[in-house]
Amino acid sequence: MGESSPPPAGRRRTRLVSSLVLGQRACEVALDPERGALEWTEQPQPRGGRVTERANHARDNLLEVNLEKYDGVVCVGGDGMFNEVMHGLIGRTQKDSGIDQNNPKAPLVQCNIRIGIIPAGSTDCICYSTVGINDPVTSALHIIVGDTQPLDVSSVHHHNTLLKYFVSLLGYGFYGDILKDSEGKRWMGPVRYDLSGFKTFLSHHYYEGTISLLPASHAVGSPRDKKHCRSGCRVCKQSKQQLEIDQKKNGGEIKGDDEGEWKVIRGKFLAINTANISCACPRSPKGLSPAAHLADGSADLILVRKCSRFNFLRYLIRHTNRDDQFDFSFVEVYRIKKFLFTSKHLEDGDFNAEKMQKNRFGHFCRDHPACCCIPPSSTWNCDGETLDCSTIEVMVHCQLMKLFARGVEKNSPLEEIQRQRC
């Protein structure tokens, strides 16, 4: 790949993998070979770089490359490509700052390098929720202008070991089962999610466990106040300011009893969903939690308790219309800063995998007639990646990342769709 002259004086380049120049702003772009590159009306000037060739290639590249001369990374692809870039940047920033990522209580250092997303995936949930539309040209313009939008990131730990970071959905039960079942159907393309979703709905599995949650006392508003996060959001600014005040009172880090009062919930759940952002997408313009905010240092924890298939279907349908999806007796939603989850089978220590395998087809299960077995635990759907740990600890890190975006603007295509469905 050819080299070209350096960027204009006083400007740093925006970096990754295969490069383009957008206007006067030099940028290198991570290309997802499965989705293809973006077509441009004007021929860009090439800079050194490479197309990603394997899983986690972009992440590994960011962990090694010299990032001092860059002020941004642009990725072309879906939510999976964004996650690779995000993990690379966060990992590199914490490594350079001497932060132990495996410590769930460690205060992480904010990444100053922004990420630009050129959407080319099947869902593009992150782009849709932060820009208001999954349009490559709109995203490119935000990069050219140099817009900045802070974004909360949550960490997932298991026994003092970092598992993943996520910015949109962490789902256990229904969404975890869909993802796990669809992994063996990749040859079908995006339609595999419809098939796996239908199969999982019929199975109607529920899972028992204990959730300990720490409410986000610093956050302004609630998950049901219908105050949507928009460009220049006051809720995000006020929540960030209050969080900083709370941290200064406790020496920069909140520990132990100073964190607040924990709430413990036990039960049988069809779905346990954590939404860092609204998780809006073309299929569900409102998202899983319409009033979730991009940068307020909190996430919305949605608990769907065991109910009939008909009621669960009613709940799912409300994600596509104007009705309140939380207005059910079996649905609870909390705005949280941290939470822990432990599967009942791990609490009791009575799970016998060999016995379960022998009995799998030997009886007709009263609680799960569609599958003839009692599943011991589900899988976590962490931004489209599977996590098999049933015991986890989740913490929200306020404005850990920055995007080339400005948030969802008023009168955006997303708001127009929402008005039409009303």
Protein backbone atom coordinates (compact mmCIF):
# COMPACT_ATOMS: atom_id res chain seq x y z
CA MET A 1 0.00 0.00 0.00
CA GLY A 2 1.31 3.36 -0.96
CA GLU A 3 2.33 6.21 1.32
CA SER A 4 1.37 9.85 0.90
CA SER A 5 2.27 13.20 2.36
CA PRO A 6 1.65 13.77 6.07
CA PRO A 7 -1.56 15.45 7.27
CA PRO A 8 -1.77 19.25 7.50
CA ALA A 9 0.19 20.93 10.29
CA GLY A 10 -1.58 20.91 13.62
CA ARG A 11 -3.75 17.92 12.70
CA ARG A 12 -3.33 14.38 13.78
CA ARG A 13 -4.55 11.41 11.84
CA THR A 14 -7.54 9.23 12.55
CA ARG A 15 -6.33 5.67 12.55
CA LEU A 16 -6.84 2.08 11.77
CA VAL A 17 -6.24 -0.66 9.36
CA SER A 18 -6.99 0.59 5.80
CA SER A 19 -6.78 4.30 5.28
CA LEU A 20 -8.80 7.07 3.68
CA VAL A 21 -8.60 10.86 3.74
CA LEU A 22 -11.92 12.54 4.50
CA GLY A 23 -11.71 16.18 3.49
CA GLN A 24 -8.69 17.70 5.28
CA ARG A 25 -8.87 15.11 8.03
CA ALA A 26 -6.66 12.07 7.49
CA CYS A 27 -8.14 8.82 8.72
CA GLU A 28 -7.40 5.14 8.57
CA VAL A 29 -10.35 2.75 8.43
CA ALA A 30 -10.76 -0.80 9.71
CA LEU A 31 -12.52 -2.78 6.99
CA ASP A 32 -14.67 -5.83 7.66
CA PRO A 33 -14.02 -8.20 4.73
CA GLU A 34 -17.31 -10.05 5.30
CA ARG A 35 -19.28 -6.82 4.78
CA GLY A 36 -17.08 -5.12 2.20
CA ALA A 37 -15.80 -1.56 2.00
CA LEU A 38 -17.82 1.60 1.69
CA GLU A 39 -18.13 3.06 -1.82
CA TRP A 40 -17.15 6.71 -2.07
CA THR A 41 -18.11 9.26 -4.71
CA GLU A 42 -14.68 10.85 -4.48
CA GLN A 43 -11.47 8.87 -4.74
CA PRO A 44 -9.62 8.96 -1.40
CA GLN A 45 -5.88 9.20 -1.13
CA PRO A 46 -4.50 5.93 0.27
CA ARG A 47 -2.38 5.75 3.38
CA GLY A 48 -0.58 2.77 4.91
CA GLY A 49 -2.77 0.14 6.60
CA ARG A 50 -4.35 -3.26 6.26
CA VAL A 51 -7.74 -4.95 5.95
CA THR A 52 -8.70 -7.12 8.92
CA GLU A 53 -8.17 -10.79 8.10
CA ARG A 54 -9.34 -12.63 11.22
CA ALA A 55 -11.35 -12.25 14.39
CA ASN A 56 -9.88 -9.70 16.84
CA HIS A 57 -7.35 -8.52 14.21
CA ALA A 58 -8.34 -4.87 14.74
CA ARG A 59 -8.15 -5.25 18.52
CA ASP A 60 -4.69 -6.84 18.40
CA ASN A 61 -3.47 -4.15 16.01
CA LEU A 62 -4.55 -1.37 18.35
CA LEU A 63 -2.84 -3.02 21.30
CA GLU A 64 0.52 -2.83 19.48
CA VAL A 65 0.48 0.22 17.18
CA ASN A 66 1.76 3.67 18.19
CA LEU A 67 -1.38 5.74 18.76
CA GLU A 68 0.21 8.99 19.92
CA LYS A 69 -0.08 10.68 16.53
CA TYR A 70 -3.73 9.75 16.01
CA ASP A 71 -6.89 11.30 17.42
CA GLY A 72 -9.38 8.77 16.14
CA VAL A 73 -10.19 5.35 14.71
CA VAL A 74 -12.79 4.70 12.03
CA CYS A 75 -14.24 1.22 11.56
CA VAL A 76 -16.30 0.00 8.62
CA GLY A 77 -18.50 -2.92 9.62
CA GLY A 78 -21.14 -3.90 12.12
CA ASP A 79 -21.36 -3.92 15.90
CA GLY A 80 -18.81 -6.75 16.06
CA MET A 81 -16.14 -4.68 14.31
CA PHE A 82 -16.86 -1.75 16.63
CA ASN A 83 -16.43 -4.02 19.63
CA GLU A 84 -13.01 -5.16 18.42
CA VAL A 85 -11.87 -1.56 18.07
CA MET A 86 -13.37 -0.59 21.42
CA HIS A 87 -11.66 -3.45 23.27
CA GLY A 88 -8.37 -2.58 21.60
CA LEU A 89 -8.55 1.10 22.57
CA ILE A 90 -9.72 0.51 26.14
CA GLY A 91 -7.15 -2.23 26.67
CA ARG A 92 -4.35 -0.10 25.29
CA THR A 93 -5.35 2.96 27.34
CA GLN A 94 -5.51 1.00 30.61
CA LYS A 95 -2.22 -0.76 29.82
CA ASP A 96 -0.45 2.54 29.16
CA SER A 97 -1.93 3.96 32.38
CA GLY A 98 -0.95 0.98 34.52
CA ILE A 99 -4.55 0.01 35.33
CA ASP A 100 -5.37 -3.62 36.15
CA GLN A 101 -8.46 -4.40 34.06
CA ASN A 102 -9.06 -7.62 35.99
CA ASN A 103 -9.86 -5.61 39.10
CA PRO A 104 -13.61 -4.91 38.91
CA LYS A 105 -13.25 -1.93 41.28
CA ALA A 106 -10.39 -0.28 39.39
CA PRO A 107 -11.24 3.25 38.14
CA LEU A 108 -10.64 3.03 34.39
CA VAL A 109 -8.99 5.85 32.45
CA GLN A 110 -11.06 7.53 29.73
CA CYS A 111 -9.98 6.89 26.14
CA ASN A 112 -9.22 10.19 24.41
CA ILE A 113 -9.09 8.62 20.93
CA ARG A 114 -12.49 8.81 19.27
CA ILE A 115 -14.13 6.00 17.30
CA GLY A 116 -16.02 6.62 14.07
CA ILE A 117 -18.51 4.03 12.86
CA ILE A 118 -19.29 3.61 9.15
CA PRO A 119 -22.25 1.18 9.42
CA ALA A 120 -22.07 -1.92 7.23
CA GLY A 121 -23.55 -4.62 9.48
CA SER A 122 -26.84 -6.47 9.72
CA THR A 123 -28.20 -4.51 12.72
CA ASP A 124 -25.88 -1.54 13.38
CA CYS A 125 -27.51 -1.02 16.77
CA ILE A 126 -24.71 1.15 18.17
CA CYS A 127 -24.65 3.51 15.21
CA TYR A 128 -28.45 3.71 15.09
CA SER A 129 -28.69 4.49 18.81
CA THR A 130 -25.95 7.15 18.78
CA VAL A 131 -26.62 8.88 15.45
CA GLY A 132 -30.32 8.18 14.84
CA ILE A 133 -29.81 6.46 11.49
CA ASN A 134 -27.56 3.75 10.09
CA ASP A 135 -26.47 5.72 7.03
CA PRO A 136 -22.79 5.58 5.97
CA VAL A 137 -22.77 9.10 4.48
CA THR A 138 -24.20 10.67 7.66
CA SER A 139 -21.60 8.86 9.77
CA ALA A 140 -18.80 9.99 7.42
CA LEU A 141 -19.93 13.61 7.75
CA HIS A 142 -19.76 13.40 11.55
CA ILE A 143 -16.16 12.19 11.17
CA ILE A 144 -15.24 14.95 8.74
CA VAL A 145 -16.70 17.65 10.98
CA GLY A 146 -15.03 16.12 14.02
CA ASP A 147 -18.10 15.75 16.26
CA THR A 148 -17.62 14.24 19.71
CA GLN A 149 -20.13 12.17 21.69
CA PRO A 150 -19.09 10.55 25.01
CA LEU A 151 -20.35 7.03 25.62
CA ASP A 152 -20.72 4.86 28.72
CA VAL A 153 -19.07 1.42 28.70
CA SER A 154 -19.82 -1.45 31.08
CA SER A 155 -17.35 -4.11 32.18
CA VAL A 156 -18.20 -7.76 32.87
CA HIS A 157 -16.06 -9.65 35.40
CA HIS A 158 -16.02 -13.21 36.71
CA HIS A 159 -14.01 -13.94 39.86
CA ASN A 160 -11.68 -10.95 39.39
CA THR A 161 -11.16 -11.70 35.70
CA LEU A 162 -12.30 -9.34 32.96
CA LEU A 163 -14.52 -11.11 30.45
CA LYS A 164 -15.78 -8.34 28.16
CA TYR A 165 -16.80 -4.74 27.79
CA PHE A 166 -20.15 -3.83 26.24
CA VAL A 167 -21.94 -0.65 25.20
CA SER A 168 -25.39 -1.82 24.11
CA LEU A 169 -26.91 -5.12 25.33
CA LEU A 170 -25.99 -7.72 27.93
CA GLY A 171 -28.76 -10.31 27.82
CA TYR A 172 -29.33 -13.56 29.73
CA GLY A 173 -32.12 -16.00 29.02
CA PHE A 174 -34.10 -15.20 25.87
CA TYR A 175 -31.50 -13.14 23.98
CA GLY A 176 -28.64 -15.31 25.20
CA ASP A 177 -30.39 -18.48 24.03
CA ILE A 178 -31.10 -16.94 20.62
CA LEU A 179 -27.45 -16.07 20.11
CA LYS A 180 -26.20 -19.48 21.25
CA ASP A 181 -28.61 -21.32 18.98
CA SER A 182 -27.79 -19.09 16.00
CA GLU A 183 -24.03 -19.71 16.25
CA GLY A 184 -24.42 -23.04 14.46
CA LYS A 185 -26.47 -21.46 11.67
CA ARG A 186 -24.07 -18.80 10.42
CA TRP A 187 -24.34 -20.21 6.91
CA MET A 188 -27.93 -18.90 6.84
CA GLY A 189 -26.90 -15.28 7.20
CA PRO A 190 -29.01 -12.75 9.17
CA VAL A 191 -32.15 -14.87 8.78
CA ARG A 192 -30.68 -17.25 11.36
CA TYR A 193 -31.71 -14.85 14.10
CA ASP A 194 -35.37 -15.09 13.05
CA LEU A 195 -35.27 -18.88 13.07
CA SER A 196 -33.43 -19.09 16.39
CA GLY A 197 -35.74 -16.47 17.87
CA PHE A 198 -38.83 -18.46 16.91
CA LYS A 199 -37.32 -21.65 18.29
CA THR A 200 -36.29 -19.98 21.54
CA PHE A 201 -39.74 -18.42 21.96
CA LEU A 202 -41.38 -21.85 21.65
CA SER A 203 -38.92 -23.38 24.13
CA HIS A 204 -39.95 -20.76 26.70
CA HIS A 205 -37.10 -21.50 29.09
CA TYR A 206 -36.82 -19.68 32.37
CA TYR A 207 -33.79 -19.50 34.64
CA GLU A 208 -33.52 -19.13 38.40
CA GLY A 209 -30.97 -16.93 40.04
CA THR A 210 -30.15 -14.05 42.38
CA ILE A 211 -29.51 -10.47 41.28
CA SER A 212 -27.85 -7.92 43.56
CA LEU A 213 -28.09 -4.41 42.12
CA LEU A 214 -26.80 -1.00 43.12
CA PRO A 215 -29.18 1.77 42.00
CA ALA A 216 -27.62 4.72 40.15
CA SER A 217 -28.42 7.34 42.78
CA HIS A 218 -26.42 9.96 40.88
CA ALA A 219 -28.47 9.60 37.70
CA VAL A 220 -31.14 12.12 36.82
CA GLY A 221 -34.45 10.62 35.76
CA SER A 222 -35.71 7.04 35.53
CA PRO A 223 -36.15 4.35 32.84
CA ARG A 224 -39.85 5.18 32.49
CA ASP A 225 -39.77 8.99 32.40
CA LYS A 226 -39.87 9.10 28.57
CA LYS A 227 -37.02 11.64 28.49
CA HIS A 228 -35.11 10.35 25.50
CA CYS A 229 -31.40 11.00 25.15
CA ARG A 230 -30.83 13.60 22.43
CA SER A 231 -27.92 15.69 21.20
CA GLY A 232 -26.59 17.91 23.99
CA CYS A 233 -28.55 15.87 26.56
CA ARG A 234 -28.90 17.71 29.89
CA VAL A 235 -29.58 14.49 31.77
CA CYS A 236 -26.18 13.09 30.75
CA LYS A 237 -24.40 16.32 31.73
CA GLN A 238 -26.13 16.62 35.11
CA SER A 239 -25.62 12.93 35.92
CA LYS A 240 -21.93 13.17 35.06
CA GLN A 241 -21.53 16.22 37.29
CA GLN A 242 -23.32 14.54 40.20
CA LEU A 243 -21.18 11.41 39.83
CA GLU A 244 -18.01 13.50 39.97
CA ILE A 245 -19.27 15.23 43.13
CA ASP A 246 -19.98 11.86 44.77
CA GLN A 247 -16.54 10.55 43.85
CA LYS A 248 -14.75 13.65 45.22
CA LYS A 249 -16.56 13.20 48.54
CA ASN A 250 -15.13 9.68 48.76
CA GLY A 251 -11.56 10.33 47.68
CA GLY A 252 -12.01 9.67 43.96
CA GLU A 253 -13.36 6.13 44.32
CA ILE A 254 -16.58 4.94 45.92
CA LYS A 255 -16.18 1.80 48.03
CA GLY A 256 -18.10 -0.38 50.42
CA ASP A 257 -21.02 1.14 52.28
CA ASP A 258 -20.43 4.53 50.62
CA GLU A 259 -21.71 3.09 47.35
CA GLY A 260 -25.29 3.06 48.56
CA GLU A 261 -27.89 0.47 49.46
CA TRP A 262 -27.87 -2.74 47.43
CA LYS A 263 -31.13 -4.41 46.40
CA VAL A 264 -31.35 -8.23 46.18
CA ILE A 265 -33.86 -9.92 43.86
CA ARG A 266 -34.43 -13.67 43.55
CA GLY A 267 -36.72 -15.42 41.12
CA LYS A 268 -37.36 -17.23 37.86
CA PHE A 269 -36.61 -15.13 34.80
CA LEU A 270 -37.33 -15.51 31.09
CA ALA A 271 -34.91 -12.67 30.33
CA ILE A 272 -32.41 -10.51 32.18
CA ASN A 273 -31.36 -7.59 29.98
CA THR A 274 -28.95 -4.75 30.66
CA ALA A 275 -29.21 -1.81 28.24
CA ASN A 276 -26.37 0.70 28.31
CA ILE A 277 -28.10 2.64 25.54
CA SER A 278 -31.59 2.46 24.08
CA CYS A 279 -30.53 -0.42 21.77
CA ALA A 280 -32.68 1.05 19.02
CA CYS A 281 -32.45 -0.46 15.53
CA PRO A 282 -34.58 -0.43 12.37
CA ARG A 283 -36.65 -3.37 13.64
CA SER A 284 -37.19 -1.79 17.04
CA PRO A 285 -36.97 2.02 16.70
CA LYS A 286 -37.68 2.53 20.42
CA GLY A 287 -35.18 -0.10 21.52
CA LEU A 288 -35.15 -2.26 24.63
CA SER A 289 -35.09 0.78 26.93
CA PRO A 290 -36.25 3.94 25.12
CA ALA A 291 -35.22 6.33 27.91
CA ALA A 292 -31.70 4.91 28.41
CA HIS A 293 -28.97 7.55 28.06
CA LEU A 294 -25.67 7.46 26.23
CA ALA A 295 -23.43 9.07 28.83
CA ASP A 296 -25.09 9.33 32.26
CA GLY A 297 -22.98 6.65 33.98
CA SER A 298 -25.87 4.22 34.39
CA ALA A 299 -27.56 1.30 32.64
CA ASP A 300 -31.14 0.04 32.66
CA LEU A 301 -31.58 -3.47 34.09
CA ILE A 302 -34.74 -5.12 32.74
CA LEU A 303 -36.05 -8.25 34.48
CA VAL A 304 -38.73 -10.32 32.76
CA ARG A 305 -40.09 -12.86 35.22
CA LYS A 306 -41.63 -16.19 34.33
CA CYS A 307 -44.98 -15.73 32.59
CA SER A 308 -47.12 -17.36 29.91
CA ARG A 309 -46.02 -17.48 26.29
CA PHE A 310 -48.88 -15.20 25.36
CA ASN A 311 -47.84 -12.51 27.85
CA PHE A 312 -44.21 -12.79 26.80
CA LEU A 313 -45.29 -12.34 23.17
CA ARG A 314 -47.21 -9.21 24.19
CA TYR A 315 -44.05 -7.89 25.82
CA LEU A 316 -41.96 -8.54 22.70
CA ILE A 317 -44.52 -6.91 20.39
CA ARG A 318 -44.43 -3.70 22.43
CA HIS A 319 -40.83 -3.16 21.32
CA THR A 320 -42.21 -2.36 17.87
CA ASN A 321 -45.09 -0.01 18.77
CA ARG A 322 -45.82 3.01 20.99
CA ASP A 323 -47.02 1.06 24.04
CA ASP A 324 -44.93 0.99 27.21
CA GLN A 325 -43.05 -2.33 27.21
CA PHE A 326 -42.47 -2.04 30.96
CA ASP A 327 -46.19 -1.83 31.79
CA PHE A 328 -46.56 -5.48 32.82
CA SER A 329 -46.75 -7.05 36.26
CA PHE A 330 -43.99 -9.52 35.31
CA VAL A 331 -41.54 -6.84 34.06
CA GLU A 332 -39.28 -4.79 36.34
CA VAL A 333 -36.77 -2.13 35.30
CA TYR A 334 -34.07 -0.43 37.37
CA ARG A 335 -31.50 2.26 36.58
CA ILE A 336 -28.30 0.81 38.01
CA LYS A 337 -24.60 1.49 38.43
CA LYS A 338 -23.56 -2.08 39.28
CA PHE A 339 -25.11 -5.52 39.54
CA LEU A 340 -24.12 -9.10 40.30
CA PHE A 341 -25.84 -12.27 39.10
CA THR A 342 -25.52 -15.85 40.33
CA SER A 343 -27.38 -18.80 38.83
CA LYS A 344 -29.41 -20.85 41.32
CA HIS A 345 -27.63 -24.04 40.28
CA LEU A 346 -24.31 -22.51 41.31
CA GLU A 347 -25.81 -21.27 44.58
CA ASP A 348 -27.17 -24.71 45.48
CA GLY A 349 -24.21 -26.66 44.10
CA ASP A 350 -26.61 -29.43 43.10
CA PHE A 351 -26.16 -29.40 39.33
CA ASN A 352 -25.09 -32.78 37.97
CA ALA A 353 -24.30 -32.53 34.25
CA GLU A 354 -24.05 -36.31 33.75
CA LYS A 355 -27.44 -36.91 35.35
CA MET A 356 -28.98 -34.14 33.26
CA GLN A 357 -27.62 -35.68 30.06
CA LYS A 358 -29.04 -39.11 30.90
CA ASN A 359 -32.49 -37.72 31.67
CA ARG A 360 -32.62 -35.33 28.74
CA PHE A 361 -34.90 -37.49 26.60
CA GLY A 362 -36.14 -39.77 29.38
CA HIS A 363 -39.06 -37.71 30.66
CA PHE A 364 -41.51 -35.03 29.61
CA CYS A 365 -40.73 -31.89 31.59
CA ARG A 366 -43.76 -30.18 33.06
CA ASP A 367 -42.08 -26.76 33.22
CA HIS A 368 -40.44 -26.93 29.77
CA PRO A 369 -42.68 -29.14 27.55
CA ALA A 370 -41.11 -27.83 24.33
CA CYS A 371 -37.66 -29.23 25.03
CA CYS A 372 -38.18 -32.15 27.46
CA CYS A 373 -35.40 -30.96 29.78
CA ILE A 374 -34.65 -28.39 32.43
CA PRO A 375 -31.77 -26.17 31.28
CA PRO A 376 -29.37 -25.46 34.16
CA SER A 377 -28.32 -22.02 32.95
CA SER A 378 -28.40 -19.74 29.95
CA THR A 379 -25.68 -17.90 28.02
CA TRP A 380 -24.97 -14.18 28.18
CA ASN A 381 -25.37 -12.24 24.96
CA CYS A 382 -22.70 -9.55 25.34
CA ASP A 383 -23.04 -7.20 22.36
CA GLY A 384 -23.45 -10.20 20.06
CA GLU A 385 -20.73 -12.35 21.68
CA THR A 386 -21.46 -15.33 23.93
CA LEU A 387 -20.32 -15.53 27.56
CA ASP A 388 -20.89 -18.85 29.32
CA CYS A 389 -20.22 -17.69 32.90
CA SER A 390 -23.38 -17.80 34.99
CA THR A 391 -21.82 -15.76 37.80
CA ILE A 392 -20.82 -12.24 36.76
CA GLU A 393 -20.24 -8.75 38.11
CA VAL A 394 -21.16 -5.75 35.92
CA MET A 395 -20.14 -2.13 36.43
CA VAL A 396 -20.90 0.98 34.35
CA HIS A 397 -17.97 3.29 33.57
CA CYS A 398 -19.21 6.80 32.86
CA GLN A 399 -18.15 8.27 29.50
CA LEU A 400 -15.24 5.86 29.08
CA MET A 401 -15.30 6.16 25.26
CA LYS A 402 -15.80 8.95 22.72
CA LEU A 403 -17.39 8.65 19.29
CA PHE A 404 -17.34 10.74 16.13
CA ALA A 405 -21.03 11.59 16.61
CA ARG A 406 -23.26 14.16 18.28
CA GLY A 407 -26.07 11.95 19.59
CA VAL A 408 -29.56 11.54 18.16
CA GLU A 409 -30.78 14.95 17.00
CA LYS A 410 -34.31 16.25 17.17
CA ASN A 411 -36.31 15.63 13.99
CA SER A 412 -33.92 12.80 13.08
CA PRO A 413 -35.12 9.81 11.01
CA LEU A 414 -35.33 7.85 14.27
CA GLU A 415 -37.75 10.34 15.79
CA GLU A 416 -39.77 10.45 12.55
CA ILE A 417 -40.19 6.67 12.66
CA GLN A 418 -41.24 6.83 16.30
CA ARG A 419 -43.87 9.47 15.52
CA GLN A 420 -45.25 7.40 12.63
CA ARG A 421 -45.64 4.39 14.91
CA CYS A 422 -47.50 6.51 17.43
